[in-house]
């Protein structure tokens, strides 16, 4: 029962965490449908949105791994509809 989800992430001090963030995202490339990143150098942050289709356990695993990275703050929205 796959669902559509969007993960929103804010990277504070992206120079310290973006490499690990990208490694984790790449390890879930099979469920990721799109990604948009907006660097906000003047504020010392990056804002990233990731759209994916996956099982709830996969979505939660990715969210958890990203949220465990220092300087990364995440929120996830998951559709109720199965796709």
N, C-alpha and C. Protein backbone atom coordinates (compact mmCIF):
# COMPACT_ATOMS: atom_id res chain seq x y z
N UNK A 1 0.82 -1.18 0.00
CA UNK A 1 0.00 0.00 0.00
C UNK A 1 0.87 1.25 0.00
N UNK A 2 1.36 1.60 -1.15
CA UNK A 2 2.24 2.75 -1.30
C UNK A 2 1.45 4.04 -1.16
N UNK A 3 2.12 5.04 -0.65
CA UNK A 3 1.51 6.35 -0.45
C UNK A 3 2.44 7.43 -1.00
N UNK A 4 1.84 8.56 -1.35
CA UNK A 4 2.62 9.72 -1.77
C UNK A 4 2.99 10.50 -0.52
N UNK A 5 4.21 10.99 -0.46
CA UNK A 5 4.66 11.77 0.68
C UNK A 5 5.56 12.89 0.22
N UNK A 6 5.64 13.91 1.07
CA UNK A 6 6.56 15.02 0.85
C UNK A 6 7.36 15.21 2.14
N UNK A 7 8.66 15.20 2.00
CA UNK A 7 9.54 15.48 3.13
C UNK A 7 10.10 16.88 2.94
N UNK A 8 9.91 17.72 3.94
CA UNK A 8 10.47 19.07 3.94
C UNK A 8 11.63 19.08 4.91
N UNK A 9 12.75 19.60 4.48
CA UNK A 9 13.94 19.63 5.33
C UNK A 9 14.58 21.00 5.31
N UNK A 10 15.02 21.43 6.47
CA UNK A 10 15.82 22.65 6.59
C UNK A 10 17.19 22.23 7.11
N UNK A 11 18.20 22.59 6.36
CA UNK A 11 19.58 22.31 6.76
C UNK A 11 20.19 23.61 7.27
N UNK A 12 20.46 23.64 8.57
CA UNK A 12 21.17 24.78 9.14
C UNK A 12 22.65 24.47 9.06
N UNK A 13 23.44 25.41 8.61
CA UNK A 13 24.86 25.18 8.35
C UNK A 13 25.02 24.03 7.36
N UNK A 14 24.48 24.18 6.15
CA UNK A 14 24.50 23.08 5.18
C UNK A 14 25.90 22.56 4.88
N UNK A 15 26.90 23.39 5.01
CA UNK A 15 28.27 22.92 4.74
C UNK A 15 28.67 21.81 5.71
N UNK A 16 28.01 21.73 6.85
CA UNK A 16 28.34 20.70 7.85
C UNK A 16 27.54 19.41 7.68
N UNK A 17 26.40 19.47 6.97
CA UNK A 17 25.52 18.31 6.95
C UNK A 17 25.05 17.87 5.57
N UNK A 18 25.29 18.66 4.53
CA UNK A 18 24.71 18.32 3.23
C UNK A 18 25.29 17.04 2.63
N UNK A 19 26.55 16.73 2.89
CA UNK A 19 27.12 15.51 2.34
C UNK A 19 26.41 14.27 2.90
N UNK A 20 26.24 14.23 4.22
CA UNK A 20 25.54 13.09 4.84
C UNK A 20 24.08 13.06 4.41
N UNK A 21 23.44 14.22 4.33
CA UNK A 21 22.05 14.31 3.88
C UNK A 21 21.91 13.69 2.49
N UNK A 22 22.80 14.08 1.57
CA UNK A 22 22.75 13.55 0.20
C UNK A 22 23.00 12.05 0.14
N UNK A 23 23.88 11.55 1.00
CA UNK A 23 24.14 10.10 1.06
C UNK A 23 22.88 9.34 1.46
N UNK A 24 22.19 9.83 2.47
CA UNK A 24 20.97 9.17 2.94
C UNK A 24 19.90 9.22 1.86
N UNK A 25 19.70 10.38 1.24
CA UNK A 25 18.70 10.51 0.18
C UNK A 25 19.02 9.55 -0.97
N UNK A 26 20.27 9.47 -1.36
CA UNK A 26 20.66 8.58 -2.46
C UNK A 26 20.38 7.12 -2.14
N UNK A 27 20.45 6.75 -0.88
CA UNK A 27 20.20 5.35 -0.51
C UNK A 27 18.72 4.99 -0.63
N UNK A 28 17.85 5.98 -0.81
CA UNK A 28 16.41 5.76 -1.00
C UNK A 28 15.96 6.16 -2.40
N UNK A 29 16.89 6.19 -3.36
CA UNK A 29 16.57 6.70 -4.70
C UNK A 29 15.44 5.94 -5.39
N UNK A 30 15.19 4.71 -5.00
CA UNK A 30 14.14 3.93 -5.63
C UNK A 30 12.73 4.43 -5.38
N UNK A 31 12.52 5.18 -4.30
CA UNK A 31 11.18 5.68 -3.99
C UNK A 31 11.05 7.19 -4.23
N UNK A 32 12.14 7.86 -4.52
CA UNK A 32 12.11 9.31 -4.69
C UNK A 32 11.72 9.67 -6.12
N UNK A 33 10.72 10.54 -6.24
CA UNK A 33 10.23 10.97 -7.55
C UNK A 33 10.73 12.35 -7.94
N UNK A 34 11.07 13.18 -6.97
CA UNK A 34 11.55 14.51 -7.28
C UNK A 34 12.14 15.18 -6.06
N UNK A 35 13.00 16.15 -6.32
CA UNK A 35 13.67 16.86 -5.24
C UNK A 35 13.93 18.29 -5.69
N UNK A 36 13.68 19.23 -4.77
CA UNK A 36 13.95 20.63 -5.07
C UNK A 36 14.72 21.21 -3.88
N UNK A 37 15.82 21.85 -4.18
CA UNK A 37 16.61 22.48 -3.13
C UNK A 37 16.76 23.96 -3.39
N UNK A 38 16.62 24.74 -2.33
CA UNK A 38 16.78 26.18 -2.44
C UNK A 38 17.86 26.61 -1.44
N UNK A 39 19.04 26.96 -1.94
CA UNK A 39 20.07 27.46 -1.03
C UNK A 39 19.74 28.89 -0.62
N UNK A 40 19.87 29.18 0.64
CA UNK A 40 19.64 30.53 1.16
C UNK A 40 20.90 30.94 1.91
N UNK A 41 21.96 31.13 1.12
CA UNK A 41 23.28 31.42 1.67
C UNK A 41 23.28 32.62 2.61
N UNK A 42 22.48 33.62 2.29
CA UNK A 42 22.45 34.82 3.13
C UNK A 42 21.92 34.55 4.54
N UNK A 43 21.20 33.41 4.68
CA UNK A 43 20.67 33.03 5.99
C UNK A 43 21.41 31.82 6.59
N UNK A 44 22.33 31.26 5.84
CA UNK A 44 23.08 30.10 6.32
C UNK A 44 22.27 28.83 6.39
N UNK A 45 21.25 28.70 5.51
CA UNK A 45 20.42 27.50 5.48
C UNK A 45 20.16 27.06 4.05
N UNK A 46 19.69 25.82 3.91
CA UNK A 46 19.15 25.32 2.65
C UNK A 46 17.80 24.70 2.96
N UNK A 47 16.85 24.89 2.06
CA UNK A 47 15.52 24.31 2.20
C UNK A 47 15.35 23.28 1.09
N UNK A 48 14.96 22.07 1.47
CA UNK A 48 14.85 20.98 0.51
C UNK A 48 13.48 20.32 0.65
N UNK A 49 12.87 20.04 -0.50
CA UNK A 49 11.60 19.33 -0.56
C UNK A 49 11.80 18.07 -1.39
N UNK A 50 11.37 16.94 -0.85
CA UNK A 50 11.53 15.65 -1.55
C UNK A 50 10.14 15.01 -1.68
N UNK A 51 9.76 14.69 -2.91
CA UNK A 51 8.50 13.99 -3.17
C UNK A 51 8.80 12.53 -3.44
N UNK A 52 8.03 11.64 -2.80
CA UNK A 52 8.29 10.22 -2.97
C UNK A 52 7.01 9.41 -2.94
N UNK A 53 7.11 8.18 -3.44
CA UNK A 53 6.03 7.20 -3.36
C UNK A 53 6.64 5.95 -2.77
N UNK A 54 6.10 5.53 -1.62
CA UNK A 54 6.66 4.35 -0.97
C UNK A 54 5.74 3.82 0.11
N UNK A 55 6.15 2.71 0.66
CA UNK A 55 5.43 2.13 1.79
C UNK A 55 5.65 3.01 3.01
N UNK A 56 4.68 3.09 3.91
CA UNK A 56 4.85 3.92 5.11
C UNK A 56 6.13 3.62 5.89
N UNK A 57 6.53 2.37 5.98
CA UNK A 57 7.76 2.04 6.70
C UNK A 57 9.00 2.64 6.01
N UNK A 58 9.00 2.65 4.67
CA UNK A 58 10.12 3.24 3.93
C UNK A 58 10.16 4.75 4.13
N UNK A 59 9.00 5.38 4.06
CA UNK A 59 8.91 6.83 4.23
C UNK A 59 9.40 7.21 5.62
N UNK A 60 8.93 6.48 6.62
CA UNK A 60 9.33 6.77 8.00
C UNK A 60 10.82 6.50 8.24
N UNK A 61 11.35 5.48 7.58
CA UNK A 61 12.78 5.18 7.72
C UNK A 61 13.62 6.33 7.16
N UNK A 62 13.24 6.83 6.00
CA UNK A 62 13.97 7.96 5.40
C UNK A 62 13.85 9.20 6.28
N UNK A 63 12.65 9.50 6.72
CA UNK A 63 12.45 10.66 7.60
C UNK A 63 13.29 10.54 8.86
N UNK A 64 13.29 9.36 9.47
CA UNK A 64 14.06 9.15 10.69
C UNK A 64 15.55 9.31 10.49
N UNK A 65 16.06 8.77 9.40
CA UNK A 65 17.50 8.87 9.14
C UNK A 65 17.91 10.32 8.87
N UNK A 66 17.07 11.04 8.14
CA UNK A 66 17.38 12.45 7.88
C UNK A 66 17.30 13.27 9.16
N UNK A 67 16.30 12.99 9.98
CA UNK A 67 16.12 13.73 11.22
C UNK A 67 17.21 13.49 12.25
N UNK A 68 17.93 12.38 12.10
CA UNK A 68 19.02 12.06 13.02
C UNK A 68 20.34 12.74 12.65
N UNK A 69 20.36 13.43 11.52
CA UNK A 69 21.56 14.14 11.10
C UNK A 69 21.59 15.48 11.82
N UNK A 70 22.72 15.78 12.44
CA UNK A 70 22.86 17.04 13.16
C UNK A 70 22.68 18.22 12.20
N UNK A 71 21.96 19.23 12.63
CA UNK A 71 21.68 20.45 11.87
C UNK A 71 20.60 20.27 10.81
N UNK A 72 19.91 19.11 10.79
CA UNK A 72 18.84 18.87 9.83
C UNK A 72 17.52 18.74 10.58
N UNK A 73 16.50 19.48 10.10
CA UNK A 73 15.18 19.47 10.71
C UNK A 73 14.17 19.08 9.65
N UNK A 74 13.36 18.04 9.91
CA UNK A 74 12.46 17.49 8.89
C UNK A 74 11.03 17.39 9.39
N UNK A 75 10.11 17.50 8.45
CA UNK A 75 8.69 17.23 8.65
C UNK A 75 8.21 16.47 7.42
N UNK A 76 7.28 15.56 7.64
CA UNK A 76 6.78 14.75 6.54
C UNK A 76 5.26 14.79 6.49
N UNK A 77 4.72 14.91 5.30
CA UNK A 77 3.29 14.79 5.06
C UNK A 77 3.06 13.56 4.19
N UNK A 78 2.14 12.70 4.63
CA UNK A 78 1.85 11.46 3.91
C UNK A 78 0.38 11.45 3.53
N UNK A 79 0.11 11.11 2.27
CA UNK A 79 -1.28 11.06 1.81
C UNK A 79 -2.03 9.92 2.50
N UNK A 80 -3.33 10.08 2.62
CA UNK A 80 -4.16 8.99 3.14
C UNK A 80 -4.48 8.00 2.03
N UNK A 81 -4.51 8.50 0.82
CA UNK A 81 -4.84 7.67 -0.34
C UNK A 81 -3.70 6.75 -0.70
N UNK A 82 -4.03 5.52 -1.01
CA UNK A 82 -3.03 4.55 -1.48
C UNK A 82 -2.90 4.70 -3.00
N UNK A 83 -1.67 4.54 -3.48
CA UNK A 83 -1.43 4.63 -4.93
C UNK A 83 -0.78 3.37 -5.43
